[in-house]
């Protein structure tokens, strides 16, 4: 996997560029919503 060598727990919210005023669309599959729902929540929380 592409993330196999990345430590995602070292995520730094302050390093994310300011996206104020931008619009985003997120497409999520309903298949296995336990996983895709958590991914959606993480994406939305990051964009807020």
PDB file of N, CA and C in Angstrom:
ATOM      1  N   UNK A   1       0.834  -1.191   0.000  1.00  0.00           N
ATOM      2  CA  UNK A   1       0.000   0.000   0.000  1.00  0.00           C
ATOM      3  C   UNK A   1       0.876   1.252   0.000  1.00  0.00           C
ATOM      4  N   UNK A   2       0.336   2.326  -0.524  1.00  0.00           N
ATOM      5  CA  UNK A   2       1.083   3.571  -0.595  1.00  0.00           C
ATOM      6  C   UNK A   2       1.374   4.138   0.783  1.00  0.00           C
ATOM      7  N   UNK A   3       0.532   3.826   1.753  1.00  0.00           N
ATOM      8  CA  UNK A   3       0.723   4.377   3.098  1.00  0.00           C
ATOM      9  C   UNK A   3       1.537   3.457   3.997  1.00  0.00           C
ATOM     10  N   UNK A   4       2.033   2.371   3.471  1.00  0.00           N
ATOM     11  CA  UNK A   4       2.733   1.385   4.298  1.00  0.00           C
ATOM     12  C   UNK A   4       3.939   1.981   5.004  1.00  0.00           C
ATOM     13  N   UNK A   5       4.574   2.963   4.387  1.00  0.00           N
ATOM     14  CA  UNK A   5       5.790   3.532   4.971  1.00  0.00           C
ATOM     15  C   UNK A   5       5.577   4.933   5.541  1.00  0.00           C
ATOM     16  N   UNK A   6       4.328   5.306   5.730  1.00  0.00           N
ATOM     17  CA  UNK A   6       4.005   6.620   6.283  1.00  0.00           C
ATOM     18  C   UNK A   6       3.378   6.453   7.659  1.00  0.00           C
ATOM     19  N   UNK A   7       3.820   7.258   8.615  1.00  0.00           N
ATOM     20  CA  UNK A   7       3.227   7.232   9.951  1.00  0.00           C
ATOM     21  C   UNK A   7       2.134   8.293   9.983  1.00  0.00           C
ATOM     22  N   UNK A   8       0.910   7.883   9.727  1.00  0.00           N
ATOM     23  CA  UNK A   8      -0.191   8.837   9.642  1.00  0.00           C
ATOM     24  C   UNK A   8      -0.597   9.395  10.994  1.00  0.00           C
ATOM     25  N   UNK A   9      -0.111   8.820  12.086  1.00  0.00           N
ATOM     26  CA  UNK A   9      -0.426   9.362  13.406  1.00  0.00           C
ATOM     27  C   UNK A   9       0.361  10.642  13.675  1.00  0.00           C
ATOM     28  N   UNK A  10       1.326  10.969  12.817  1.00  0.00           N
ATOM     29  CA  UNK A  10       2.099  12.204  12.965  1.00  0.00           C
ATOM     30  C   UNK A  10       1.480  13.346  12.161  1.00  0.00           C
ATOM     31  N   UNK A  11       0.205  13.236  11.838  1.00  0.00           N
ATOM     32  CA  UNK A  11      -0.523  14.254  11.086  1.00  0.00           C
ATOM     33  C   UNK A  11      -0.511  15.563  11.859  1.00  0.00           C
ATOM     34  N   UNK A  12      -0.144  16.656  11.197  1.00  0.00           N
ATOM     35  CA  UNK A  12      -0.102  17.976  11.826  1.00  0.00           C
ATOM     36  C   UNK A  12      -1.128  18.874  11.144  1.00  0.00           C
ATOM     37  N   UNK A  13      -2.230  19.137  11.836  1.00  0.00           N
ATOM     38  CA  UNK A  13      -3.307  19.952  11.267  1.00  0.00           C
ATOM     39  C   UNK A  13      -2.797  21.322  10.833  1.00  0.00           C
ATOM     40  N   UNK A  14      -1.839  21.888  11.538  1.00  0.00           N
ATOM     41  CA  UNK A  14      -1.338  23.226  11.216  1.00  0.00           C
ATOM     42  C   UNK A  14      -0.559  23.273   9.907  1.00  0.00           C
ATOM     43  N   UNK A  15      -0.167  22.126   9.371  1.00  0.00           N
ATOM     44  CA  UNK A  15       0.574  22.111   8.111  1.00  0.00           C
ATOM     45  C   UNK A  15      -0.355  22.087   6.895  1.00  0.00           C
ATOM     46  N   UNK A  16      -1.659  22.003   7.126  1.00  0.00           N
ATOM     47  CA  UNK A  16      -2.630  21.987   6.029  1.00  0.00           C
ATOM     48  C   UNK A  16      -2.858  23.424   5.567  1.00  0.00           C
ATOM     49  N   UNK A  17      -2.725  23.693   4.252  1.00  0.00           N
ATOM     50  CA  UNK A  17      -2.940  25.059   3.758  1.00  0.00           C
ATOM     51  C   UNK A  17      -4.369  25.537   4.011  1.00  0.00           C
ATOM     52  N   UNK A  18      -4.538  26.846   4.114  1.00  0.00           N
ATOM     53  CA  UNK A  18      -5.851  27.443   4.314  1.00  0.00           C
ATOM     54  C   UNK A  18      -6.662  27.300   3.029  1.00  0.00           C
ATOM     55  N   UNK A  19      -7.826  26.708   3.122  1.00  0.00           N
ATOM     56  CA  UNK A  19      -8.684  26.504   1.953  1.00  0.00           C
ATOM     57  C   UNK A  19      -9.969  27.314   2.062  1.00  0.00           C
ATOM     58  N   UNK A  20      -9.942  28.369   2.874  1.00  0.00           N
ATOM     59  CA  UNK A  20     -11.137  29.192   3.048  1.00  0.00           C
ATOM     60  C   UNK A  20     -11.575  29.750   1.701  1.00  0.00           C
ATOM     61  N   UNK A  21     -12.846  29.673   1.426  1.00  0.00           N
ATOM     62  CA  UNK A  21     -13.402  30.179   0.182  1.00  0.00           C
ATOM     63  C   UNK A  21     -13.430  29.148  -0.936  1.00  0.00           C
ATOM     64  N   UNK A  22     -12.785  28.018  -0.738  1.00  0.00           N
ATOM     65  CA  UNK A  22     -12.802  26.959  -1.749  1.00  0.00           C
ATOM     66  C   UNK A  22     -14.017  26.067  -1.540  1.00  0.00           C
ATOM     67  N   UNK A  23     -14.412  25.396  -2.588  1.00  0.00           N
ATOM     68  CA  UNK A  23     -15.524  24.450  -2.507  1.00  0.00           C
ATOM     69  C   UNK A  23     -14.992  23.056  -2.812  1.00  0.00           C
ATOM     70  N   UNK A  24     -15.508  22.075  -2.085  1.00  0.00           N
ATOM     71  CA  UNK A  24     -15.074  20.696  -2.250  1.00  0.00           C
ATOM     72  C   UNK A  24     -16.287  19.799  -2.408  1.00  0.00           C
ATOM     73  N   UNK A  25     -16.113  18.754  -3.148  1.00  0.00           N
ATOM     74  CA  UNK A  25     -17.123  17.705  -3.261  1.00  0.00           C
ATOM     75  C   UNK A  25     -16.507  16.410  -2.774  1.00  0.00           C
ATOM     76  N   UNK A  26     -17.251  15.667  -1.988  1.00  0.00           N
ATOM     77  CA  UNK A  26     -16.765  14.390  -1.470  1.00  0.00           C
ATOM     78  C   UNK A  26     -17.751  13.313  -1.902  1.00  0.00           C
ATOM     79  N   UNK A  27     -17.242  12.285  -2.538  1.00  0.00           N
ATOM     80  CA  UNK A  27     -18.064  11.163  -2.978  1.00  0.00           C
ATOM     81  C   UNK A  27     -17.732   9.973  -2.096  1.00  0.00           C
ATOM     82  N   UNK A  28     -18.766   9.351  -1.525  1.00  0.00           N
ATOM     83  CA  UNK A  28     -18.562   8.236  -0.603  1.00  0.00           C
ATOM     84  C   UNK A  28     -19.469   7.081  -1.005  1.00  0.00           C
ATOM     85  N   UNK A  29     -18.904   5.914  -1.029  1.00  0.00           N
ATOM     86  CA  UNK A  29     -19.673   4.704  -1.317  1.00  0.00           C
ATOM     87  C   UNK A  29     -20.492   4.308  -0.099  1.00  0.00           C
ATOM     88  N   UNK A  30     -21.673   3.754  -0.330  1.00  0.00           N
ATOM     89  CA  UNK A  30     -22.477   3.248   0.780  1.00  0.00           C
ATOM     90  C   UNK A  30     -22.063   1.832   1.161  1.00  0.00           C
ATOM     91  N   UNK A  31     -21.261   1.201   0.338  1.00  0.00           N
ATOM     92  CA  UNK A  31     -20.786  -0.143   0.616  1.00  0.00           C
ATOM     93  C   UNK A  31     -19.822  -0.080   1.789  1.00  0.00           C
ATOM     94  N   UNK A  32     -20.016  -0.914   2.780  1.00  0.00           N
ATOM     95  CA  UNK A  32     -19.189  -0.980   3.986  1.00  0.00           C
ATOM     96  C   UNK A  32     -19.121   0.387   4.669  1.00  0.00           C
ATOM     97  N   UNK A  33     -20.278   0.917   5.013  1.00  0.00           N
ATOM     98  CA  UNK A  33     -20.356   2.269   5.565  1.00  0.00           C
ATOM     99  C   UNK A  33     -19.619   2.420   6.891  1.00  0.00           C
ATOM    100  N   UNK A  34     -19.344   1.337   7.594  1.00  0.00           N
ATOM    101  CA  UNK A  34     -18.546   1.453   8.823  1.00  0.00           C
ATOM    102  C   UNK A  34     -17.184   2.051   8.516  1.00  0.00           C
ATOM    103  N   UNK A  35     -16.628   1.709   7.385  1.00  0.00           N
ATOM    104  CA  UNK A  35     -15.324   2.244   6.988  1.00  0.00           C
ATOM    105  C   UNK A  35     -15.488   3.559   6.248  1.00  0.00           C
ATOM    106  N   UNK A  36     -16.354   3.582   5.218  1.00  0.00           N
ATOM    107  CA  UNK A  36     -16.479   4.791   4.412  1.00  0.00           C
ATOM    108  C   UNK A  36     -17.074   5.948   5.209  1.00  0.00           C
ATOM    109  N   UNK A  37     -17.922   5.644   6.182  1.00  0.00           N
ATOM    110  CA  UNK A  37     -18.474   6.699   7.037  1.00  0.00           C
ATOM    111  C   UNK A  37     -17.403   7.354   7.884  1.00  0.00           C
ATOM    112  N   UNK A  38     -16.480   6.546   8.399  1.00  0.00           N
ATOM    113  CA  UNK A  38     -15.374   7.095   9.187  1.00  0.00           C
ATOM    114  C   UNK A  38     -14.443   7.926   8.309  1.00  0.00           C
ATOM    115  N   UNK A  39     -14.212   7.470   7.085  1.00  0.00           N
ATOM    116  CA  UNK A  39     -13.381   8.243   6.158  1.00  0.00           C
ATOM    117  C   UNK A  39     -14.045   9.572   5.805  1.00  0.00           C
ATOM    118  N   UNK A  40     -15.364   9.539   5.595  1.00  0.00           N
ATOM    119  CA  UNK A  40     -16.112  10.768   5.317  1.00  0.00           C
ATOM    120  C   UNK A  40     -16.006  11.735   6.485  1.00  0.00           C
ATOM    121  N   UNK A  41     -16.204  11.241   7.691  1.00  0.00           N
ATOM    122  CA  UNK A  41     -16.122  12.101   8.873  1.00  0.00           C
ATOM    123  C   UNK A  41     -14.739  12.731   8.985  1.00  0.00           C
ATOM    124  N   UNK A  42     -13.695  11.956   8.747  1.00  0.00           N
ATOM    125  CA  UNK A  42     -12.339  12.489   8.807  1.00  0.00           C
ATOM    126  C   UNK A  42     -12.092  13.559   7.763  1.00  0.00           C
ATOM    127  N   UNK A  43     -12.608  13.352   6.554  1.00  0.00           N
ATOM    128  CA  UNK A  43     -12.440  14.342   5.494  1.00  0.00           C
ATOM    129  C   UNK A  43     -13.176  15.633   5.829  1.00  0.00           C
ATOM    130  N   UNK A  44     -14.415  15.506   6.291  1.00  0.00           N
ATOM    131  CA  UNK A  44     -15.213  16.692   6.633  1.00  0.00           C
ATOM    132  C   UNK A  44     -14.583  17.436   7.809  1.00  0.00           C
ATOM    133  N   UNK A  45     -14.148  16.717   8.828  1.00  0.00           N
ATOM    134  CA  UNK A  45     -13.514  17.358   9.986  1.00  0.00           C
ATOM    135  C   UNK A  45     -12.245  18.100   9.575  1.00  0.00           C
ATOM    136  N   UNK A  46     -11.486  17.538   8.652  1.00  0.00           N
ATOM    137  CA  UNK A  46     -10.253  18.181   8.193  1.00  0.00           C
ATOM    138  C   UNK A  46     -10.554  19.446   7.410  1.00  0.00           C
ATOM    139  N   UNK A  47     -11.624  19.436   6.626  1.00  0.00           N
ATOM    140  CA  UNK A  47     -11.954  20.597   5.805  1.00  0.00           C
ATOM    141  C   UNK A  47     -12.623  21.719   6.589  1.00  0.00           C
ATOM    142  N   UNK A  48     -13.109  21.448   7.777  1.00  0.00           N
ATOM    143  CA  UNK A  48     -13.781  22.494   8.576  1.00  0.00           C
ATOM    144  C   UNK A  48     -12.788  23.473   9.132  1.00  0.00           C
TER     145      UNK A  48
END
